[in-house]
Protein backbone atom coordinates (compact mmCIF):
# COMPACT_ATOMS: atom_id res chain seq x y z
CA UNK A 1 16.24 4.62 165.47
CA UNK A 2 17.15 3.99 169.09
CA UNK A 3 14.18 3.15 171.28
CA UNK A 4 14.04 4.31 174.88
CA UNK A 5 12.25 2.34 177.58
CA UNK A 6 11.09 3.46 180.99
CA UNK A 7 8.87 0.67 182.31
CA UNK A 8 7.16 0.71 185.66
CA UNK A 9 7.23 -2.51 187.68
CA UNK A 10 4.05 -3.94 186.20
CA UNK A 11 5.20 -3.23 182.65
CA UNK A 12 8.58 -4.81 183.44
CA UNK A 13 6.89 -8.00 184.61
CA UNK A 14 4.70 -8.08 181.51
CA UNK A 15 7.79 -7.81 179.30
CA UNK A 16 9.62 -10.44 181.35
CA UNK A 17 6.72 -12.87 181.05
CA UNK A 18 6.75 -12.52 177.27
CA UNK A 19 10.29 -13.88 177.09
CA UNK A 20 10.62 -17.67 176.63
CA UNK A 21 9.67 -19.32 179.91
CA UNK A 22 11.74 -21.67 182.04
CA UNK A 23 9.60 -24.57 180.84
CA UNK A 24 10.15 -23.67 177.18
CA UNK A 25 13.88 -23.33 177.79
CA UNK A 26 14.08 -26.74 179.47
CA UNK A 27 12.16 -28.42 176.65
CA UNK A 28 14.51 -26.86 174.10
CA UNK A 29 17.56 -27.91 176.12
CA UNK A 30 16.44 -31.54 176.13
CA UNK A 31 16.81 -31.78 172.36
CA UNK A 32 19.89 -29.55 172.14
CA UNK A 33 23.37 -30.90 171.49
CA UNK A 34 26.14 -30.30 174.01
CA UNK A 35 27.56 -27.66 171.68
CA UNK A 36 24.20 -25.89 171.51
CA UNK A 37 23.90 -25.95 175.31
CA UNK A 38 27.36 -24.46 175.63
CA UNK A 39 26.54 -21.73 173.10
CA UNK A 40 23.30 -20.91 174.93
CA UNK A 41 25.13 -20.68 178.27
CA UNK A 42 27.92 -18.53 176.86
CA UNK A 43 25.40 -16.24 175.13
CA UNK A 44 24.78 -14.73 178.56
CA UNK A 45 28.29 -13.29 178.39
CA UNK A 46 27.38 -11.65 175.08
CA UNK A 47 24.18 -10.20 176.50
CA UNK A 48 26.07 -9.03 179.58
CA UNK A 49 28.62 -7.26 177.38
CA UNK A 50 25.80 -5.31 175.72
CA UNK A 51 25.02 -3.85 179.16
CA UNK A 52 28.58 -2.62 179.61
CA UNK A 53 30.04 -5.52 181.56
CA UNK A 54 32.41 -7.81 179.68
CA UNK A 55 34.09 -10.93 181.05
CA UNK A 56 36.83 -8.82 182.64
CA UNK A 57 34.30 -6.74 184.57
CA UNK A 58 32.39 -9.88 185.57
CA UNK A 59 35.66 -11.22 186.95
CA UNK A 60 35.59 -8.39 189.51
CA UNK A 61 32.72 -10.22 191.17
CA UNK A 62 33.83 -12.74 193.79
CA UNK A 63 31.36 -15.64 193.68
CA UNK A 64 30.34 -18.55 195.86
CA UNK A 65 28.62 -20.89 193.41
CA UNK A 66 26.22 -23.54 194.74
CA UNK A 67 24.67 -26.47 192.87
CA UNK A 68 22.88 -29.63 193.96
CA UNK A 69 19.55 -31.42 193.92
CA UNK A 70 18.35 -30.90 197.46
CA UNK A 71 18.99 -27.99 199.78
CA UNK A 72 20.89 -25.57 197.57
CA UNK A 73 18.45 -22.76 198.39
CA UNK A 74 18.62 -23.13 202.17
CA UNK A 75 22.40 -23.66 202.00
CA UNK A 76 22.76 -20.46 199.97
CA UNK A 77 20.52 -18.53 202.36
CA UNK A 78 22.49 -19.62 205.44
CA UNK A 79 25.79 -18.95 203.69
CA UNK A 80 24.63 -15.42 202.81
CA UNK A 81 23.44 -14.85 206.38
CA UNK A 82 26.80 -15.91 207.83
CA UNK A 83 28.75 -13.63 205.51
CA UNK A 84 26.44 -10.69 206.20
CA UNK A 85 26.68 -11.24 209.96
CA UNK A 86 30.46 -10.99 209.64
CA UNK A 87 30.21 -7.56 208.04
CA UNK A 88 30.38 -8.35 204.32
CA UNK A 89 28.17 -6.73 201.72
CA UNK A 90 26.35 -9.58 199.98
CA UNK A 91 24.48 -10.23 196.78
CA UNK A 92 22.27 -13.31 196.51
CA UNK A 93 20.71 -14.72 193.33
CA UNK A 94 18.26 -17.62 193.72
CA UNK A 95 15.32 -19.29 192.01
CA UNK A 96 12.46 -19.82 191.78
CA UNK A 97 10.56 -17.13 193.66
CA UNK A 98 7.41 -17.69 195.67
CA UNK A 99 5.47 -14.42 195.41
CA UNK A 100 7.51 -11.73 193.70
CA UNK A 101 10.32 -11.96 191.16
CA UNK A 102 12.23 -9.40 193.24
CA UNK A 103 12.89 -12.22 195.74
CA UNK A 104 15.42 -13.67 193.31
CA UNK A 105 17.87 -10.78 193.65
CA UNK A 106 18.83 -9.72 197.17
CA UNK A 107 21.27 -7.17 198.50
CA UNK A 108 22.40 -7.66 202.09
CA UNK A 109 19.64 -10.20 202.58
CA UNK A 110 16.82 -7.94 201.37
CA UNK A 111 14.92 -8.35 198.10
CA UNK A 112 15.47 -5.42 195.75
CA UNK A 113 12.68 -2.85 195.61
CA UNK A 114 10.14 -2.93 192.77
CA UNK A 115 11.17 0.56 191.63
CA UNK A 116 14.81 -0.47 191.45
CA UNK A 117 13.88 -3.66 189.61
CA UNK A 118 11.93 -1.64 187.03
CA UNK A 119 14.79 0.85 186.59
CA UNK A 120 17.45 -1.81 185.96
CA UNK A 121 15.08 -3.92 183.85
CA UNK A 122 14.29 -0.93 181.61
CA UNK A 123 17.97 -0.09 181.12
CA UNK A 124 18.96 -3.66 180.28
CA UNK A 125 15.95 -4.25 178.03
CA UNK A 126 16.83 -1.11 176.06
CA UNK A 127 20.49 -2.15 175.72
CA UNK A 128 19.66 -5.70 174.62
CA UNK A 129 16.93 -4.52 172.25
CA UNK A 130 19.35 -2.08 170.60
CA UNK A 131 22.01 -4.77 170.07
CA UNK A 132 19.83 -7.55 168.67
CA UNK A 133 21.63 -9.41 165.88
CA UNK A 134 18.34 -10.86 164.64
CA UNK A 135 14.67 -10.56 165.47
CA UNK A 136 14.03 -12.08 168.88
CA UNK A 137 17.70 -12.07 169.92
CA UNK A 138 16.94 -11.75 173.63
CA UNK A 139 17.74 -14.02 176.58
CA UNK A 140 14.97 -16.20 177.97
CA UNK A 141 13.29 -15.53 181.32
CA UNK A 142 15.99 -17.01 183.57
CA UNK A 143 18.82 -15.71 181.41
CA UNK A 144 17.49 -12.15 181.52
CA UNK A 145 17.30 -12.28 185.32
CA UNK A 146 20.83 -13.70 185.42
CA UNK A 147 22.08 -10.71 183.40
CA UNK A 148 20.16 -8.41 185.76
CA UNK A 149 21.60 -10.00 188.88
CA UNK A 150 25.21 -9.74 187.69
CA UNK A 151 24.59 -6.13 186.64
CA UNK A 152 23.21 -5.21 190.04
CA UNK A 153 25.93 -6.98 192.03
CA UNK A 154 28.72 -5.30 190.03
CA UNK A 155 27.05 -1.88 190.24
CA UNK A 156 26.46 -2.20 193.96
CA UNK A 157 30.05 -3.36 194.53
CA UNK A 158 29.11 -6.31 196.72
CA UNK A 159 31.97 -8.06 198.50
CA UNK A 160 30.66 -11.47 197.58
CA UNK A 161 27.84 -12.85 195.42
CA UNK A 162 26.16 -16.10 196.43
CA UNK A 163 24.86 -17.62 193.19
CA UNK A 164 22.45 -20.55 193.25
CA UNK A 165 22.48 -22.64 190.09
CA UNK A 166 19.19 -22.79 188.20
CA UNK A 167 19.30 -26.34 186.79
CA UNK A 168 22.28 -28.67 186.60
CA UNK A 169 25.56 -26.81 186.63
CA UNK A 170 27.83 -27.34 183.63
CA UNK A 171 25.47 -25.68 181.15
CA UNK A 172 23.52 -23.51 183.57
CA UNK A 173 23.41 -19.88 182.54
CA UNK A 174 24.93 -18.78 185.83
CA UNK A 175 28.05 -20.79 184.99
CA UNK A 176 29.78 -17.98 183.15
CA UNK A 177 31.61 -16.70 186.24
CA UNK A 178 35.35 -17.31 186.61
CA UNK A 179 36.28 -15.63 189.90
CA UNK A 180 34.89 -18.48 191.99
CA UNK A 181 37.12 -19.26 194.97
CA UNK A 182 34.46 -21.38 196.64
CA UNK A 183 32.03 -23.97 195.27
CA UNK A 184 29.34 -25.94 197.08
CA UNK A 185 27.48 -29.07 195.97
CA UNK A 186 24.53 -30.10 198.12
CA UNK A 187 22.96 -33.55 198.34
CA UNK A 188 22.48 -35.10 194.91
CA UNK A 189 19.41 -37.02 193.80
CA UNK A 190 17.17 -37.63 190.83
CA UNK A 191 15.55 -34.50 189.41
CA UNK A 192 15.31 -33.08 185.88
CA UNK A 193 16.49 -36.47 184.64
CA UNK A 194 15.20 -35.68 181.14
CA UNK A 195 17.80 -32.92 181.04
CA UNK A 196 20.62 -34.14 183.27
CA UNK A 197 20.49 -37.90 182.73
CA UNK A 198 18.92 -40.92 184.40
CA UNK A 199 21.99 -42.08 186.30
CA UNK A 200 23.26 -40.47 189.49
CA UNK A 201 26.73 -40.42 187.91
CA UNK A 202 25.42 -38.29 185.02
CA UNK A 203 23.69 -35.91 187.40
CA UNK A 204 26.82 -35.60 189.56
CA UNK A 205 28.93 -34.80 186.49
CA UNK A 206 26.55 -32.00 185.48
CA UNK A 207 26.48 -30.53 189.00
CA UNK A 208 30.27 -30.70 189.29
CA UNK A 209 30.51 -28.62 186.12
CA UNK A 210 30.64 -25.47 188.25
CA UNK A 211 34.05 -26.45 189.67
CA UNK A 212 36.81 -24.09 188.56
CA UNK A 213 40.60 -24.58 188.48
CA UNK A 214 42.06 -23.65 191.84
CA UNK A 215 38.75 -23.29 193.64
CA UNK A 216 37.92 -25.07 196.88
CA UNK A 217 34.85 -27.25 196.49
CA UNK A 218 32.80 -28.57 199.39
CA UNK A 219 30.08 -31.17 199.47
CA UNK A 220 28.10 -33.37 201.85
CA UNK A 221 28.18 -37.15 202.10
CA UNK A 222 26.86 -38.54 198.81
CA UNK A 223 25.95 -41.88 197.35
CA UNK A 224 29.25 -43.66 196.49
CA UNK A 225 28.78 -43.46 192.69
CA UNK A 226 28.06 -39.73 192.90
CA UNK A 227 31.02 -39.13 195.20
CA UNK A 228 33.38 -40.93 192.83
CA UNK A 229 32.29 -38.66 189.98
CA UNK A 230 32.75 -35.54 192.13
CA UNK A 231 36.28 -36.66 193.01
CA UNK A 232 37.01 -37.38 189.36
CA UNK A 233 35.73 -33.97 188.26
CA UNK A 234 37.71 -32.21 191.00
CA UNK A 235 40.89 -33.83 189.73
CA UNK A 236 40.04 -32.95 186.12
CA UNK A 237 39.30 -29.33 187.05
CA UNK A 238 42.37 -29.18 189.31
CA UNK A 239 40.55 -28.06 192.41
CA UNK A 240 40.27 -29.41 195.95
CA UNK A 241 37.18 -31.23 197.19
CA UNK A 242 36.21 -31.79 200.81
CA UNK A 243 33.27 -33.45 202.52
CA UNK A 244 32.02 -31.40 205.44
CA UNK A 245 31.58 -32.89 208.89
CA UNK A 246 28.42 -33.22 210.97
CA UNK A 247 27.22 -30.24 212.97
CA UNK A 248 27.90 -32.12 216.21
CA UNK A 249 31.62 -32.18 215.37
CA UNK A 250 32.09 -28.42 215.54
CA UNK A 251 33.39 -26.53 218.55
CA UNK A 252 30.85 -23.83 219.35
CA UNK A 253 32.48 -20.84 221.04
CA UNK A 254 30.47 -18.94 223.65
CA UNK A 255 27.10 -20.27 222.58
CA UNK A 256 24.77 -23.23 222.68
CA UNK A 257 25.77 -26.11 220.46
CA UNK A 258 23.69 -26.50 217.30
CA UNK A 259 22.47 -30.06 216.86
CA UNK A 260 19.35 -31.92 215.74
CA UNK A 261 17.57 -30.92 218.96
CA UNK A 262 18.33 -27.19 218.82
CA UNK A 263 17.85 -26.90 215.05
CA UNK A 264 14.53 -28.60 214.39
CA UNK A 265 14.16 -27.37 210.81
CA UNK A 266 15.57 -30.34 208.86
CA UNK A 267 16.44 -28.16 205.86
CA UNK A 268 18.72 -26.11 208.08
CA UNK A 269 20.13 -29.05 209.99
CA UNK A 270 21.09 -30.99 206.87
CA UNK A 271 22.71 -28.02 205.14
CA UNK A 272 24.14 -25.82 207.91
CA UNK A 273 27.57 -27.48 207.96
CA UNK A 274 28.02 -26.95 204.22
CA UNK A 275 26.94 -23.31 204.56
CA UNK A 276 29.46 -22.82 207.38
CA UNK A 277 32.34 -24.22 205.33
CA UNK A 278 31.45 -22.22 202.22
CA UNK A 279 31.18 -18.91 204.08
CA UNK A 280 34.25 -19.43 206.24
CA UNK A 281 36.37 -20.66 203.35
CA UNK A 282 35.53 -17.53 201.37
CA UNK A 283 36.31 -15.33 204.38
CA UNK A 284 39.61 -17.13 204.97
CA UNK A 285 40.62 -16.49 201.36
CA UNK A 286 39.60 -12.85 201.58
CA UNK A 287 42.58 -10.65 202.41
CA UNK A 288 40.55 -8.59 204.89
CA UNK A 289 39.32 -11.58 206.88
CA UNK A 290 40.53 -10.96 210.47
CA UNK A 291 40.24 -14.50 211.84
CA UNK A 292 43.47 -16.51 212.12
CA UNK A 293 41.78 -19.76 213.14
CA UNK A 294 41.87 -22.90 211.09
CA UNK A 295 38.31 -23.05 209.86
CA UNK A 296 38.29 -25.95 207.44
CA UNK A 297 37.66 -29.08 209.49
CA UNK A 298 37.75 -31.24 206.37
CA UNK A 299 37.30 -34.98 206.58
CA UNK A 300 37.96 -36.06 203.00
CA UNK A 301 40.31 -34.80 200.33
CA UNK A 302 40.97 -35.50 196.67
CA UNK A 303 44.23 -36.84 195.35
CA UNK A 304 45.37 -33.42 194.20
CA UNK A 305 45.12 -31.86 197.66
CA UNK A 306 48.27 -31.47 199.69
CA UNK A 307 47.37 -33.60 202.71
CA UNK A 308 47.34 -31.65 205.96
CA UNK A 309 47.35 -33.73 209.11
CA UNK A 310 46.91 -30.67 211.30
CA UNK A 311 43.28 -30.04 210.32
CA UNK A 312 41.13 -29.38 213.35
CA UNK A 313 37.43 -29.01 213.99
CA UNK A 314 36.15 -25.49 213.44
CA UNK A 315 35.77 -23.00 216.22
CA UNK A 316 32.41 -21.45 215.38
CA UNK A 317 31.66 -17.93 216.59
CA UNK A 318 28.49 -16.50 218.08
CA UNK A 319 28.03 -14.47 214.87
CA UNK A 320 27.88 -17.63 212.78
CA UNK A 321 25.58 -19.33 215.29
CA UNK A 322 23.14 -16.40 215.24
CA UNK A 323 23.30 -16.18 211.45
CA UNK A 324 22.24 -19.81 211.07
CA UNK A 325 19.45 -19.49 213.61
CA UNK A 326 18.08 -16.27 212.11
CA UNK A 327 18.28 -17.19 208.42
CA UNK A 328 14.88 -17.50 206.76
CA UNK A 329 14.08 -19.50 203.64
CA UNK A 330 10.28 -19.35 203.18
CA UNK A 331 8.40 -22.34 201.87
CA UNK A 332 10.83 -24.88 203.24
CA UNK A 333 9.80 -26.55 206.49
CA UNK A 334 7.79 -23.45 207.37
CA UNK A 335 4.96 -23.36 209.90
CA UNK A 336 2.13 -20.82 209.80
CA UNK A 337 -0.27 -20.84 212.73
CA UNK A 338 -3.59 -19.39 211.59
CA UNK A 339 -6.89 -18.92 213.36
CA UNK A 340 -8.41 -21.88 211.53
CA UNK A 341 -5.48 -24.32 211.50
CA UNK A 342 -1.75 -24.88 211.48
CA UNK A 343 -0.15 -24.92 208.03
CA UNK A 344 3.04 -26.90 207.42
CA UNK A 345 4.53 -25.67 204.17
CA UNK A 346 7.34 -27.33 202.27
CA UNK A 347 8.10 -27.20 198.54
CA UNK A 348 9.44 -30.78 198.39
CA UNK A 349 9.25 -32.18 194.86
CA UNK A 350 11.84 -34.97 194.77
CA UNK A 351 11.77 -38.31 196.55
CA UNK A 352 14.66 -37.32 198.82
CA UNK A 353 13.09 -34.03 199.85
CA UNK A 354 9.63 -35.56 200.24
CA UNK A 355 10.99 -38.18 202.63
CA UNK A 356 12.39 -35.40 204.81
CA UNK A 357 9.13 -33.44 204.50
CA UNK A 358 6.99 -36.41 205.58
CA UNK A 359 9.19 -37.13 208.61
CA UNK A 360 9.18 -33.45 209.57
CA UNK A 361 5.38 -33.28 209.39
CA UNK A 362 4.96 -36.47 211.42
CA UNK A 363 7.28 -35.07 214.10
CA UNK A 364 4.70 -32.30 214.63
CA UNK A 365 1.70 -34.57 215.06
CA UNK A 366 -0.77 -33.58 217.75
CA UNK A 367 -2.77 -36.31 219.41
CA UNK A 368 -6.05 -36.96 217.59
CA UNK A 369 -5.49 -34.03 215.22
CA UNK A 370 -7.36 -33.85 211.91
CA UNK A 371 -4.74 -33.95 209.15
CA UNK A 372 -5.21 -32.48 205.67
CA UNK A 373 -2.94 -32.72 202.64
CA UNK A 374 -2.86 -30.05 199.92
CA UNK A 375 -0.87 -31.43 197.00
CA UNK A 376 0.05 -30.72 193.42
CA UNK A 377 2.61 -32.24 191.08
CA UNK A 378 2.85 -31.56 187.39
CA UNK A 379 5.35 -32.66 184.72
CA UNK A 380 6.74 -35.43 186.93
CA UNK A 381 5.57 -38.79 188.25
CA UNK A 382 3.52 -38.14 191.42
CA UNK A 383 3.28 -41.74 192.61
CA UNK A 384 6.68 -42.05 194.37
CA UNK A 385 6.02 -38.77 196.19
CA UNK A 386 2.51 -39.83 197.22
CA UNK A 387 3.73 -43.15 198.56
CA UNK A 388 6.09 -41.32 200.91
CA UNK A 389 3.13 -39.32 202.27
CA UNK A 390 0.80 -42.26 202.94
CA UNK A 391 2.32 -42.88 206.39
CA UNK A 392 1.08 -39.44 207.46
CA UNK A 393 -2.45 -40.92 207.59
CA UNK A 394 -4.31 -37.92 206.24
CA UNK A 395 -8.02 -37.60 206.92
CA UNK A 396 -8.51 -35.45 203.84
CA UNK A 397 -6.56 -34.71 200.66
CA UNK A 398 -7.15 -31.62 198.53
CA UNK A 399 -5.73 -31.34 195.02
CA UNK A 400 -5.16 -27.79 193.86
CA UNK A 401 -3.24 -26.29 190.91
CA UNK A 402 -0.45 -23.75 191.39
CA UNK A 403 -3.01 -20.95 191.26
CA UNK A 404 -3.86 -18.70 194.19
CA UNK A 405 -7.01 -16.92 192.98
CA UNK A 406 -9.69 -17.09 190.32
CA UNK A 407 -8.51 -13.84 188.80
CA UNK A 408 -5.31 -11.84 188.63
CA UNK A 409 -5.95 -10.34 192.05
CA UNK A 410 -2.29 -10.06 192.93
CA UNK A 411 -0.59 -7.92 190.32
CA UNK A 412 2.73 -8.79 188.74
CA UNK A 413 2.95 -12.46 189.62
CA UNK A 414 5.61 -13.40 187.14
CA UNK A 415 5.29 -17.17 187.48
CA UNK A 416 1.51 -17.02 187.07
CA UNK A 417 0.82 -18.56 190.48
CA UNK A 418 -2.05 -16.14 190.84
CA UNK A 419 -3.32 -16.17 187.28
CA UNK A 420 -6.13 -18.37 186.05
CA UNK A 421 -4.56 -19.63 182.80
CA UNK A 422 -5.02 -23.01 181.11
CA UNK A 423 -7.35 -23.95 183.92
CA UNK A 424 -8.78 -26.94 182.11
CA UNK A 425 -5.29 -28.44 181.81
CA UNK A 426 -4.56 -27.72 185.46
CA UNK A 427 -7.75 -29.43 186.57
CA UNK A 428 -7.08 -32.50 184.43
CA UNK A 429 -3.79 -32.96 186.30
CA UNK A 430 -5.49 -32.36 189.66
CA UNK A 431 -8.15 -34.97 188.95
CA UNK A 432 -5.53 -37.47 187.81
CA UNK A 433 -3.59 -36.87 191.03
CA UNK A 434 -6.79 -37.25 193.08
CA UNK A 435 -7.63 -40.57 191.39
CA UNK A 436 -4.12 -41.88 192.03
CA UNK A 437 -4.24 -40.84 195.70
CA UNK A 438 -7.58 -42.59 196.12
CA UNK A 439 -6.15 -45.78 194.64
CA UNK A 440 -3.02 -45.68 196.79
CA UNK A 441 -4.76 -44.78 200.04
CA UNK A 442 -7.40 -47.49 199.59
CA UNK A 443 -4.65 -50.05 198.97
CA UNK A 444 -3.32 -49.14 202.41
CA UNK A 445 -6.75 -49.46 203.98
CA UNK A 446 -7.03 -45.73 204.61
CA UNK A 447 -10.29 -43.81 204.55
CA UNK A 448 -9.41 -40.39 203.16
CA UNK A 449 -11.85 -37.78 201.92
CA UNK A 450 -10.72 -36.34 198.56
CA UNK A 451 -11.61 -33.05 196.92
CA UNK A 452 -10.38 -31.01 193.94
CA UNK A 453 -10.34 -27.20 193.93
CA UNK A 454 -9.54 -24.80 191.10
CA UNK A 455 -7.44 -22.46 193.23
CA UNK A 456 -5.78 -22.16 196.63
CA UNK A 457 -8.20 -19.54 197.95
CA UNK A 458 -11.12 -21.93 197.50
CA UNK A 459 -9.25 -24.75 199.23
CA UNK A 460 -8.20 -22.66 202.22
CA UNK A 461 -11.66 -21.11 202.52
CA UNK A 462 -13.08 -24.63 202.68
CA UNK A 463 -10.60 -25.57 205.41
CA UNK A 464 -11.48 -22.46 207.42
CA UNK A 465 -15.10 -23.65 207.58
CA UNK A 466 -14.53 -27.38 207.92
CA UNK A 467 -15.25 -27.34 211.65
CA UNK A 468 -18.77 -26.22 210.79
CA UNK A 469 -19.20 -29.39 208.74
CA UNK A 470 -17.45 -31.78 211.08
CA UNK A 471 -17.81 -31.21 214.83
CA UNK A 472 -14.78 -33.40 215.52
CA UNK A 473 -12.45 -31.04 213.66
CA UNK A 474 -11.19 -28.40 216.08
CA UNK A 475 -7.82 -27.31 214.73
CA UNK A 476 -6.58 -29.19 211.64
CA UNK A 477 -2.95 -29.66 210.71
CA UNK A 478 -2.47 -28.98 207.00
CA UNK A 479 0.56 -30.03 204.96
CA UNK A 480 1.10 -28.18 201.67
CA UNK A 481 3.71 -29.82 199.45
CA UNK A 482 4.65 -31.14 196.01
CA UNK A 483 5.68 -27.89 194.31
CA UNK A 484 7.36 -24.61 195.20
CA UNK A 485 4.84 -22.84 192.97
CA UNK A 486 2.01 -24.42 194.98
CA UNK A 487 3.70 -23.09 198.10
CA UNK A 488 3.84 -19.63 196.52
CA UNK A 489 0.12 -19.78 195.82
CA UNK A 490 -0.54 -20.77 199.42
CA UNK A 491 1.56 -17.94 200.82
CA UNK A 492 -0.24 -15.49 198.56
CA UNK A 493 -3.55 -16.54 200.12
CA UNK A 494 -2.42 -16.83 203.72
CA UNK A 495 -2.29 -13.09 204.24
CA UNK A 496 0.26 -12.18 206.94
CA UNK A 497 -2.42 -10.23 208.80
CA UNK A 498 -4.37 -13.47 209.28
CA UNK A 499 -1.36 -15.41 210.50
CA UNK A 500 -1.11 -15.61 214.28
CA UNK A 501 2.54 -16.59 214.22
CA UNK A 502 5.15 -17.67 211.71
CA UNK A 503 7.95 -20.11 212.45
CA UNK A 504 11.04 -21.03 210.49
CA UNK A 505 12.32 -23.46 213.08
C-alpha cells in the first residue's frame, strides 16, 4: 500500500536527522573499496530517477562544479553573486550549514523557505520510500539533500547551478553531473586525510575527479606536487586547465581596483580571482552572453590546450566588482560588534585556513585590548591549529562544544548545534583541548586564563559580564574558531537584535 507523506518543516528535519549522518557516511567510506565508493556515488542517480529525473533530465542542468580544501564555499558564493548580478537565475548548493539546513539550497542567492523545503522533502521522501529495493534503501543525510537540490534546480529552471563538493571530488555524491562546462579547484591542503589520502598528490587526484571531458577547469597556484597531478588529470580527462592570475592583474572598468587594501576579508581576496574566471567562463560559453570581450586572462595551460598568444587581462565590469563586494559568506572572516565585545568569527579547521585566520585576527588588534579565544576541535589533531594561534597572545581561552544551548531551544537544528546530546563526550574533548592549550601556552611563557563551558550561551554570557570581574577589561576582542559547527552555535546565540553592526569585510 502506497504511503503518503505531508511533513511540516519540523517533521522533515526529524526525518532527515534519522538518516545516516555525515560522520557515519565518512566512517563507512574509509573502509569501502573504490568500487563501493563508486556504487555509493552513482546510487544518487538511481534515487534521483525515482523522483522523476533521470540522467538525461539531470543533463539539462548547466553546472559549475567547485572542489578544493580551502575556500570553496567563499569562491562558490562569489561566483553565484557575479552570475546573479549579470542577470542569470542561479541555484547554489553548499555545505555544511550554520543555523538552518535551508541555507544549503539557495535560489537567486536566497535560502529556500521552510515551507518549500518541507513540501519538496515530503514529495521526495514518499517517492524514495515507495521505491525501496530493500529495508533502509534510502540515501544518507548529504545524499538526500543532494537529490533535493538537483530536484529543485531542475524544477525551478535555473540558468546555472553552482555546486560545491561535499568531500573530495571523484567519489563525492554531487559528482553525478555531466553538463559541467566549468570546473573550479581551490587551494589544496591536508584535510580528511583518512578518506582522501595522506599525500597532497592523493588529495589533488581526488579533487580533480570532478573534471569532465571538454570542460574548462580553473585553479589557483598550488604546491608543485599538487599542480602536477592536476595537470595530469586534466590531460587524462581531456579538458583544459588554467591557473588564474592575481587580482591586481585585472583591468577594472569604471570602478575602484580590488586589491588587498580594498578587500580586507582574506577569504574573499584569496578566492575572488577564481570566482571571476569561473563565472565569466560560464557566461562566455552561454549562447546568450552579450559580452564580446576576451575574459580568460589565463597564465598557465595544459599540454592539450591550443596555445593562444593573444590572451589578455580581463576587463572587469562594475557589475562584477559590486557582486564581489556584496557577496556574503557567514562564518568566514566575519565580524560582529556587540554591546559587550567584538566577535571575530571564522570556521577555520585546517592548518592553511587557521594560518589565514590568525593573521586576519592579528590585523584587527586594538592597543591594549583584552583578547579571548573560543575554540573547539573534534575528530582531528588540535595541536597544529593551536600552535598557529599562540602568536595572538590571548588573555583567556574558553573551550566550548558545538552546542549553543542547554536544551533544544532553537527548533529544527539539523546538525545538532543547539541540542545537548552526548554532553559527557563533548566535555571530555573540551577538557583535553583545554589541557593541551595550557601546556602549549605555558611553554611559550604566556599567562592565559582557561575555562571550559558546556555550551556557547554560557560562554558568551560569561564574556558579557567579564568587565564586572576585571576592571581592566573594557571591550574584549573574541576570536571564535576551530569548527564551522562551533561558529553556527555562536551565531545562534549572538541574536541579531543584540548585534550593533555586522561586517563581512
